[in-house]
Amino acid sequence: MDVSTISPSFTSLSLVHGLLEDMSADAFPTVLSAWSDESLALQQNATHFGYVYDGKPIIEIACGAFHLAPGMYFSVPGEGVIRGPGRGIVVSRVDYNGFFHIGGPTEELGRLKYIDGCTDSLLIPPILLGDPCLNLLHFPPGVIQTQHTHPSVRVGLVTRGRGECETPVATFPLIPGTAFVIPAGGIHGFRTNQSSMTVIAYHPDSDFGPTHDVHPMINRTIVDGVSASQLYNIKTK
């Protein structure tokens, strides 16, 4: 593990190949790894959320091999391997079975409003309410973000621009290629000066997402002029 700087609220890491942070004892067991021009194996009992920082690696899973490019992101359930040139991060949510998903390249700006004039896009949404998600955060120049916390761990990677993260004990510089971990309850706020900054951010849980009783298919199924979501109480085991 190559740790640049650590505080109770923030850990900054460089993209050195292999394990960066083992949070498997967390309430939401998570492991952060990076690949850097070497092969990285993906373990069986997890879903792996990743982002390609640079290069053109190949991700190999049971159903085939897929070519990736800078700015692309993915979700891979179960065993696999990333091969070829380039660098990126993989956030593995242990004992979670997600969907296989490849997307990107990412846009520069987020599509949704966030605090203090920032924006956010939900790149990989939760499959069910409470599931993990992957986001893009954009900070325009001149942001002084309100100090805040999160109820669960956050894992991020700076992909463009420059900024800082201010915590109660120190301020940490952020440049492209900086990965970071913010523990649950860690007080922090991001700042930018002349440059904007874009960050990929992983959340292990969500208070947003479909449920068995409320999702687009059942909501937009109309029976005698009434949504089926109002007519049926879906029972699941």
C-alpha atoms as a PDB file:
ATOM      1  CA  MET A   1       0.000   0.000   0.000  1.00  0.00           C
ATOM      2  CA  ASP A   2       1.364   3.412  -1.013  1.00  0.00           C
ATOM      3  CA  VAL A   3      -0.200   6.107   1.136  1.00  0.00           C
ATOM      4  CA  SER A   4       0.721   9.716   0.426  1.00  0.00           C
ATOM      5  CA  THR A   5      -1.103  11.407   3.292  1.00  0.00           C
ATOM      6  CA  ILE A   6      -3.493  10.270   6.017  1.00  0.00           C
ATOM      7  CA  SER A   7      -5.804  12.065   8.447  1.00  0.00           C
ATOM      8  CA  PRO A   8      -8.806  10.837  10.469  1.00  0.00           C
ATOM      9  CA  SER A   9     -11.035  12.330   7.759  1.00  0.00           C
ATOM     10  CA  PHE A  10      -9.096  11.717   4.541  1.00  0.00           C
ATOM     11  CA  THR A  11      -6.506   9.378   3.027  1.00  0.00           C
ATOM     12  CA  SER A  12      -4.726  10.303  -0.202  1.00  0.00           C
ATOM     13  CA  LEU A  13      -3.205   7.543  -2.353  1.00  0.00           C
ATOM     14  CA  SER A  14      -1.219   7.332  -5.573  1.00  0.00           C
ATOM     15  CA  LEU A  15      -1.983   4.847  -8.364  1.00  0.00           C
ATOM     16  CA  VAL A  16       0.587   2.217  -7.423  1.00  0.00           C
ATOM     17  CA  HIS A  17      -0.285  -1.250  -8.731  1.00  0.00           C
ATOM     18  CA  GLY A  18      -2.088  -3.572  -6.325  1.00  0.00           C
ATOM     19  CA  LEU A  19      -3.936  -3.127  -3.051  1.00  0.00           C
ATOM     20  CA  LEU A  20      -4.355   0.489  -1.937  1.00  0.00           C
ATOM     21  CA  GLU A  21      -6.803   0.207   0.965  1.00  0.00           C
ATOM     22  CA  ASP A  22      -8.434  -2.814   2.638  1.00  0.00           C
ATOM     23  CA  MET A  23     -11.804  -1.850   4.122  1.00  0.00           C
ATOM     24  CA  SER A  24     -13.192  -5.384   4.280  1.00  0.00           C
ATOM     25  CA  ALA A  25     -14.008  -4.899   7.980  1.00  0.00           C
ATOM     26  CA  ASP A  26     -16.177  -1.861   7.172  1.00  0.00           C
ATOM     27  CA  ALA A  27     -19.961  -1.954   7.588  1.00  0.00           C
ATOM     28  CA  PHE A  28     -19.969  -2.171   3.775  1.00  0.00           C
ATOM     29  CA  PRO A  29     -16.944  -4.425   3.069  1.00  0.00           C
ATOM     30  CA  THR A  30     -14.872  -2.730   0.378  1.00  0.00           C
ATOM     31  CA  VAL A  31     -11.388  -3.136  -1.105  1.00  0.00           C
ATOM     32  CA  LEU A  32      -9.649  -0.438  -3.154  1.00  0.00           C
ATOM     33  CA  SER A  33      -7.029  -1.508  -5.714  1.00  0.00           C
ATOM     34  CA  ALA A  34      -5.229   0.052  -8.665  1.00  0.00           C
ATOM     35  CA  TRP A  35      -3.677  -1.290 -11.826  1.00  0.00           C
ATOM     36  CA  SER A  36      -0.627   0.309 -13.422  1.00  0.00           C
ATOM     37  CA  ASP A  37       0.619  -1.366 -16.635  1.00  0.00           C
ATOM     38  CA  GLU A  38       0.252  -4.804 -15.037  1.00  0.00           C
ATOM     39  CA  SER A  39      -2.495  -7.424 -14.802  1.00  0.00           C
ATOM     40  CA  LEU A  40      -4.905  -7.115 -11.887  1.00  0.00           C
ATOM     41  CA  ALA A  41      -7.008 -10.106 -10.840  1.00  0.00           C
ATOM     42  CA  LEU A  42     -10.604  -9.476  -9.706  1.00  0.00           C
ATOM     43  CA  GLN A  43     -11.825 -11.723  -6.908  1.00  0.00           C
ATOM     44  CA  GLN A  44     -14.873 -13.965  -7.173  1.00  0.00           C
ATOM     45  CA  ASN A  45     -17.003 -12.856  -4.216  1.00  0.00           C
ATOM     46  CA  ALA A  46     -17.400  -9.165  -5.103  1.00  0.00           C
ATOM     47  CA  THR A  47     -18.652  -6.709  -7.673  1.00  0.00           C
ATOM     48  CA  HIS A  48     -15.872  -4.490  -8.993  1.00  0.00           C
ATOM     49  CA  PHE A  49     -16.497  -0.829  -9.860  1.00  0.00           C
ATOM     50  CA  GLY A  50     -13.674   0.625 -11.936  1.00  0.00           C
ATOM     51  CA  TYR A  51     -12.490   3.650 -13.871  1.00  0.00           C
ATOM     52  CA  VAL A  52      -9.824   3.869 -16.603  1.00  0.00           C
ATOM     53  CA  TYR A  53      -7.553   6.827 -15.859  1.00  0.00           C
ATOM     54  CA  ASP A  54      -5.275   6.344 -18.867  1.00  0.00           C
ATOM     55  CA  GLY A  55      -4.211   3.706 -21.393  1.00  0.00           C
ATOM     56  CA  LYS A  56      -6.292   1.100 -23.216  1.00  0.00           C
ATOM     57  CA  PRO A  57      -6.578  -2.004 -21.054  1.00  0.00           C
ATOM     58  CA  ILE A  58      -8.674  -5.099 -21.702  1.00  0.00           C
ATOM     59  CA  ILE A  59     -11.011  -6.538 -19.099  1.00  0.00           C
ATOM     60  CA  GLU A  60     -11.532 -10.284 -19.357  1.00  0.00           C
ATOM     61  CA  ILE A  61     -14.492 -12.036 -17.748  1.00  0.00           C
ATOM     62  CA  ALA A  62     -16.309 -15.320 -18.337  1.00  0.00           C
ATOM     63  CA  CYS A  63     -18.411 -13.978 -21.225  1.00  0.00           C
ATOM     64  CA  GLY A  64     -15.491 -12.439 -23.151  1.00  0.00           C
ATOM     65  CA  ALA A  65     -12.841  -9.739 -23.409  1.00  0.00           C
ATOM     66  CA  PHE A  66     -13.727  -6.043 -23.630  1.00  0.00           C
ATOM     67  CA  HIS A  67     -11.483  -3.197 -24.764  1.00  0.00           C
ATOM     68  CA  LEU A  68     -11.518  -0.064 -22.610  1.00  0.00           C
ATOM     69  CA  ALA A  69     -10.297   3.499 -23.167  1.00  0.00           C
ATOM     70  CA  PRO A  70      -9.527   6.530 -20.961  1.00  0.00           C
ATOM     71  CA  GLY A  71     -12.601   7.907 -19.231  1.00  0.00           C
ATOM     72  CA  MET A  72     -14.539   4.640 -19.385  1.00  0.00           C
ATOM     73  CA  TYR A  73     -15.986   2.956 -16.307  1.00  0.00           C
ATOM     74  CA  PHE A  74     -17.324  -0.482 -15.470  1.00  0.00           C
ATOM     75  CA  SER A  75     -19.069  -2.758 -13.040  1.00  0.00           C
ATOM     76  CA  VAL A  76     -18.016  -6.428 -13.103  1.00  0.00           C
ATOM     77  CA  PRO A  77     -19.574  -9.053 -10.819  1.00  0.00           C
ATOM     78  CA  GLY A  78     -17.318 -11.935  -9.907  1.00  0.00           C
ATOM     79  CA  GLU A  79     -13.992 -13.149 -11.190  1.00  0.00           C
ATOM     80  CA  GLY A  80     -12.037 -11.416 -13.952  1.00  0.00           C
ATOM     81  CA  VAL A  81      -8.755  -9.761 -14.869  1.00  0.00           C
ATOM     82  CA  ILE A  82      -7.633  -6.392 -16.235  1.00  0.00           C
ATOM     83  CA  ARG A  83      -4.708  -6.599 -18.661  1.00  0.00           C
ATOM     84  CA  GLY A  84      -2.707  -4.296 -20.857  1.00  0.00           C
ATOM     85  CA  PRO A  85      -1.301  -0.773 -20.660  1.00  0.00           C
ATOM     86  CA  GLY A  86      -2.775   1.957 -18.546  1.00  0.00           C
ATOM     87  CA  ARG A  87      -3.812   2.905 -15.043  1.00  0.00           C
ATOM     88  CA  GLY A  88      -7.032   3.026 -13.092  1.00  0.00           C
ATOM     89  CA  ILE A  89      -8.822   2.091  -9.904  1.00  0.00           C
ATOM     90  CA  VAL A  90     -11.064  -0.792  -8.918  1.00  0.00           C
ATOM     91  CA  VAL A  91     -13.394  -0.538  -5.919  1.00  0.00           C
ATOM     92  CA  SER A  92     -14.557  -4.032  -4.966  1.00  0.00           C
ATOM     93  CA  ARG A  93     -17.769  -4.331  -2.955  1.00  0.00           C
ATOM     94  CA  VAL A  94     -17.375  -7.671  -1.215  1.00  0.00           C
ATOM     95  CA  ASP A  95     -20.352 -10.078  -1.099  1.00  0.00           C
ATOM     96  CA  TYR A  96     -22.439  -7.972  -3.475  1.00  0.00           C
ATOM     97  CA  ASN A  97     -23.741  -9.256  -6.821  1.00  0.00           C
ATOM     98  CA  GLY A  98     -24.197  -6.334  -9.212  1.00  0.00           C
ATOM     99  CA  PHE A  99     -24.781  -6.052 -12.955  1.00  0.00           C
ATOM    100  CA  PHE A 100     -22.122  -6.205 -15.668  1.00  0.00           C
ATOM    101  CA  HIS A 101     -21.873  -2.680 -17.032  1.00  0.00           C
ATOM    102  CA  ILE A 102     -19.427  -0.759 -19.240  1.00  0.00           C
ATOM    103  CA  GLY A 103     -19.908   2.942 -19.965  1.00  0.00           C
ATOM    104  CA  GLY A 104     -18.253   6.172 -20.927  1.00  0.00           C
ATOM    105  CA  PRO A 105     -16.169   8.032 -21.705  1.00  0.00           C
ATOM    106  CA  THR A 106     -17.486  10.338 -19.008  1.00  0.00           C
ATOM    107  CA  GLU A 107     -18.719  13.841 -19.681  1.00  0.00           C
ATOM    108  CA  GLU A 108     -16.900  16.788 -18.160  1.00  0.00           C
ATOM    109  CA  LEU A 109     -19.907  18.218 -16.299  1.00  0.00           C
ATOM    110  CA  GLY A 110     -22.470  16.517 -14.092  1.00  0.00           C
ATOM    111  CA  ARG A 111     -26.142  16.428 -15.103  1.00  0.00           C
ATOM    112  CA  LEU A 112     -27.556  16.935 -11.586  1.00  0.00           C
ATOM    113  CA  LYS A 113     -27.194  19.813  -9.140  1.00  0.00           C
ATOM    114  CA  TYR A 114     -24.980  19.285  -6.095  1.00  0.00           C
ATOM    115  CA  ILE A 115     -24.071  21.522  -3.157  1.00  0.00           C
ATOM    116  CA  ASP A 116     -22.241  24.841  -3.551  1.00  0.00           C
ATOM    117  CA  GLY A 117     -22.652  25.081  -7.327  1.00  0.00           C
ATOM    118  CA  CYS A 118     -21.155  21.660  -8.067  1.00  0.00           C
ATOM    119  CA  THR A 119     -22.743  19.037 -10.310  1.00  0.00           C
ATOM    120  CA  ASP A 120     -23.061  15.256 -10.279  1.00  0.00           C
ATOM    121  CA  SER A 121     -23.893  12.424 -12.684  1.00  0.00           C
ATOM    122  CA  LEU A 122     -24.969   8.964 -11.563  1.00  0.00           C
ATOM    123  CA  LEU A 123     -22.798   6.766 -13.792  1.00  0.00           C
ATOM    124  CA  ILE A 124     -23.771   3.365 -12.373  1.00  0.00           C
ATOM    125  CA  PRO A 125     -27.026   3.600 -10.409  1.00  0.00           C
ATOM    126  CA  PRO A 126     -28.117   1.290  -7.592  1.00  0.00           C
ATOM    127  CA  ILE A 127     -29.968  -1.779  -8.864  1.00  0.00           C
ATOM    128  CA  LEU A 128     -32.117  -1.772  -5.742  1.00  0.00           C
ATOM    129  CA  LEU A 129     -32.611   0.831  -3.037  1.00  0.00           C
ATOM    130  CA  GLY A 130     -29.532   0.685  -0.789  1.00  0.00           C
ATOM    131  CA  ASP A 131     -27.153  -0.786  -3.375  1.00  0.00           C
ATOM    132  CA  PRO A 132     -23.739   0.732  -4.326  1.00  0.00           C
ATOM    133  CA  CYS A 133     -23.383   3.416  -6.987  1.00  0.00           C
ATOM    134  CA  LEU A 134     -20.659   5.189  -8.980  1.00  0.00           C
ATOM    135  CA  ASN A 135     -20.779   8.934  -9.572  1.00  0.00           C
ATOM    136  CA  LEU A 136     -19.035  11.763 -11.402  1.00  0.00           C
ATOM    137  CA  LEU A 137     -18.591  15.008  -9.426  1.00  0.00           C
ATOM    138  CA  HIS A 138     -17.658  18.282 -11.107  1.00  0.00           C
ATOM    139  CA  PHE A 139     -16.327  21.285  -9.165  1.00  0.00           C
ATOM    140  CA  PRO A 140     -16.183  24.570 -11.121  1.00  0.00           C
ATOM    141  CA  PRO A 141     -13.374  27.069 -10.468  1.00  0.00           C
ATOM    142  CA  GLY A 142     -13.587  29.058  -7.246  1.00  0.00           C
ATOM    143  CA  VAL A 143     -15.585  26.561  -5.166  1.00  0.00           C
ATOM    144  CA  ILE A 144     -15.296  26.598  -1.379  1.00  0.00           C
ATOM    145  CA  GLN A 145     -17.450  23.639  -0.447  1.00  0.00           C
ATOM    146  CA  THR A 146     -19.400  23.559   2.798  1.00  0.00           C
ATOM    147  CA  GLN A 147     -17.778  21.261   5.345  1.00  0.00           C
ATOM    148  CA  HIS A 148     -19.805  18.052   5.529  1.00  0.00           C
ATOM    149  CA  THR A 149     -19.791  14.328   6.280  1.00  0.00           C
ATOM    150  CA  HIS A 150     -21.171  11.139   4.711  1.00  0.00           C
ATOM    151  CA  PRO A 151     -22.854   8.252   6.569  1.00  0.00           C
ATOM    152  CA  SER A 152     -20.667   5.665   4.803  1.00  0.00           C
ATOM    153  CA  VAL A 153     -17.192   5.462   3.293  1.00  0.00           C
ATOM    154  CA  ARG A 154     -16.439   7.343   0.053  1.00  0.00           C
ATOM    155  CA  VAL A 155     -13.757   6.337  -2.434  1.00  0.00           C
ATOM    156  CA  GLY A 156     -12.686   8.746  -5.174  1.00  0.00           C
ATOM    157  CA  LEU A 157     -10.261   9.483  -7.986  1.00  0.00           C
ATOM    158  CA  VAL A 158      -9.386  12.916  -9.368  1.00  0.00           C
ATOM    159  CA  THR A 159      -9.605  12.645 -13.158  1.00  0.00           C
ATOM    160  CA  ARG A 160      -9.268  16.271 -14.340  1.00  0.00           C
ATOM    161  CA  GLY A 161      -8.224  19.641 -12.939  1.00  0.00           C
ATOM    162  CA  ARG A 162      -6.902  20.551  -9.527  1.00  0.00           C
ATOM    163  CA  GLY A 163      -8.188  21.351  -6.073  1.00  0.00           C
ATOM    164  CA  GLU A 164      -7.820  20.673  -2.382  1.00  0.00           C
ATOM    165  CA  CYS A 165      -9.611  18.777   0.358  1.00  0.00           C
ATOM    166  CA  GLU A 166      -9.860  20.628   3.645  1.00  0.00           C
ATOM    167  CA  THR A 167     -10.265  18.621   6.872  1.00  0.00           C
ATOM    168  CA  PRO A 168     -10.152  19.710  10.530  1.00  0.00           C
ATOM    169  CA  VAL A 169      -6.466  18.714  10.797  1.00  0.00           C
ATOM    170  CA  ALA A 170      -4.955  19.439   7.365  1.00  0.00           C
ATOM    171  CA  THR A 171      -5.550  20.473   3.759  1.00  0.00           C
ATOM    172  CA  PHE A 172      -4.593  17.969   1.054  1.00  0.00           C
ATOM    173  CA  PRO A 173      -3.663  18.860  -2.547  1.00  0.00           C
ATOM    174  CA  LEU A 174      -5.620  17.058  -5.272  1.00  0.00           C
ATOM    175  CA  ILE A 175      -4.249  16.560  -8.774  1.00  0.00           C
ATOM    176  CA  PRO A 176      -5.216  14.170 -11.604  1.00  0.00           C
ATOM    177  CA  GLY A 177      -4.424  10.592 -10.630  1.00  0.00           C
ATOM    178  CA  THR A 178      -4.938  11.149  -6.893  1.00  0.00           C
ATOM    179  CA  ALA A 179      -7.113   8.463  -5.312  1.00  0.00           C
ATOM    180  CA  PHE A 180      -8.623   9.001  -1.881  1.00  0.00           C
ATOM    181  CA  VAL A 181     -10.721   7.442   0.867  1.00  0.00           C
ATOM    182  CA  ILE A 182     -13.036   9.371   3.193  1.00  0.00           C
ATOM    183  CA  PRO A 183     -14.243   7.269   6.142  1.00  0.00           C
ATOM    184  CA  ALA A 184     -17.821   7.378   7.380  1.00  0.00           C
ATOM    185  CA  GLY A 185     -18.347  10.581   9.365  1.00  0.00           C
ATOM    186  CA  GLY A 186     -15.099  12.170   8.157  1.00  0.00           C
ATOM    187  CA  ILE A 187     -15.449  15.979   8.090  1.00  0.00           C
ATOM    188  CA  HIS A 188     -14.226  17.492   4.820  1.00  0.00           C
ATOM    189  CA  GLY A 189     -14.864  20.011   2.067  1.00  0.00           C
ATOM    190  CA  PHE A 190     -13.395  20.387  -1.428  1.00  0.00           C
ATOM    191  CA  ARG A 191     -11.990  23.634  -2.830  1.00  0.00           C
ATOM    192  CA  THR A 192     -10.877  24.828  -6.240  1.00  0.00           C
ATOM    193  CA  ASN A 193      -9.076  27.999  -7.355  1.00  0.00           C
ATOM    194  CA  GLN A 194      -8.554  28.911 -11.022  1.00  0.00           C
ATOM    195  CA  SER A 195      -9.013  25.315 -12.208  1.00  0.00           C
ATOM    196  CA  SER A 196     -12.135  23.192 -12.236  1.00  0.00           C
ATOM    197  CA  MET A 197     -11.914  19.611 -10.924  1.00  0.00           C
ATOM    198  CA  THR A 198     -13.653  16.352 -11.809  1.00  0.00           C
ATOM    199  CA  VAL A 199     -13.813  13.367  -9.465  1.00  0.00           C
ATOM    200  CA  ILE A 200     -15.116   9.806  -9.799  1.00  0.00           C
ATOM    201  CA  ALA A 201     -16.793   8.864  -6.505  1.00  0.00           C
ATOM    202  CA  TYR A 202     -17.979   5.476  -5.249  1.00  0.00           C
ATOM    203  CA  HIS A 203     -20.694   5.089  -2.592  1.00  0.00           C
ATOM    204  CA  PRO A 204     -21.174   1.624  -1.010  1.00  0.00           C
ATOM    205  CA  ASP A 205     -24.830   2.307  -0.217  1.00  0.00           C
ATOM    206  CA  SER A 206     -27.647   4.595  -1.335  1.00  0.00           C
ATOM    207  CA  ASP A 207     -30.962   5.938  -0.071  1.00  0.00           C
ATOM    208  CA  PHE A 208     -32.182   6.090  -3.668  1.00  0.00           C
ATOM    209  CA  GLY A 209     -33.150   3.401  -6.144  1.00  0.00           C
ATOM    210  CA  PRO A 210     -35.903   1.064  -7.294  1.00  0.00           C
ATOM    211  CA  THR A 211     -37.865  -1.174  -4.951  1.00  0.00           C
ATOM    212  CA  HIS A 212     -40.082  -4.137  -5.765  1.00  0.00           C
ATOM    213  CA  ASP A 213     -43.130  -1.900  -5.266  1.00  0.00           C
ATOM    214  CA  VAL A 214     -41.827   1.225  -7.031  1.00  0.00           C
ATOM    215  CA  HIS A 215     -39.872   1.031 -10.287  1.00  0.00           C
ATOM    216  CA  PRO A 216     -40.455   2.318 -13.840  1.00  0.00           C
ATOM    217  CA  MET A 217     -41.964  -0.882 -15.230  1.00  0.00           C
ATOM    218  CA  ILE A 218     -44.676  -1.259 -12.591  1.00  0.00           C
ATOM    219  CA  ASN A 219     -45.190   2.506 -12.201  1.00  0.00           C
ATOM    220  CA  ARG A 220     -45.907   2.899 -15.915  1.00  0.00           C
ATOM    221  CA  THR A 221     -48.089  -0.192 -16.244  1.00  0.00           C
ATOM    222  CA  ILE A 222     -51.628   1.198 -16.300  1.00  0.00           C
ATOM    223  CA  VAL A 223     -54.660  -0.903 -15.368  1.00  0.00           C
ATOM    224  CA  ASP A 224     -58.020   0.821 -15.918  1.00  0.00           C
ATOM    225  CA  GLY A 225     -56.305   4.194 -15.759  1.00  0.00           C
ATOM    226  CA  VAL A 226     -54.391   3.463 -12.527  1.00  0.00           C
ATOM    227  CA  SER A 227     -50.708   2.653 -12.105  1.00  0.00           C
ATOM    228  CA  ALA A 228     -50.098  -0.970 -11.181  1.00  0.00           C
ATOM    229  CA  SER A 229     -47.827   0.276  -8.387  1.00  0.00           C
ATOM    230  CA  GLN A 230     -50.987   1.476  -6.629  1.00  0.00           C
ATOM    231  CA  LEU A 231     -52.947  -1.719  -7.260  1.00  0.00           C
ATOM    232  CA  TYR A 232     -50.522  -4.475  -6.329  1.00  0.00           C
ATOM    233  CA  ASN A 233     -48.446  -5.059  -3.245  1.00  0.00           C
ATOM    234  CA  ILE A 234     -45.545  -7.104  -4.635  1.00  0.00           C
ATOM    235  CA  LYS A 235     -44.569  -9.815  -2.184  1.00  0.00           C
ATOM    236  CA  THR A 236     -41.015 -11.129  -2.362  1.00  0.00           C
ATOM    237  CA  LYS A 237     -39.109 -13.668  -0.357  1.00  0.00           C
END
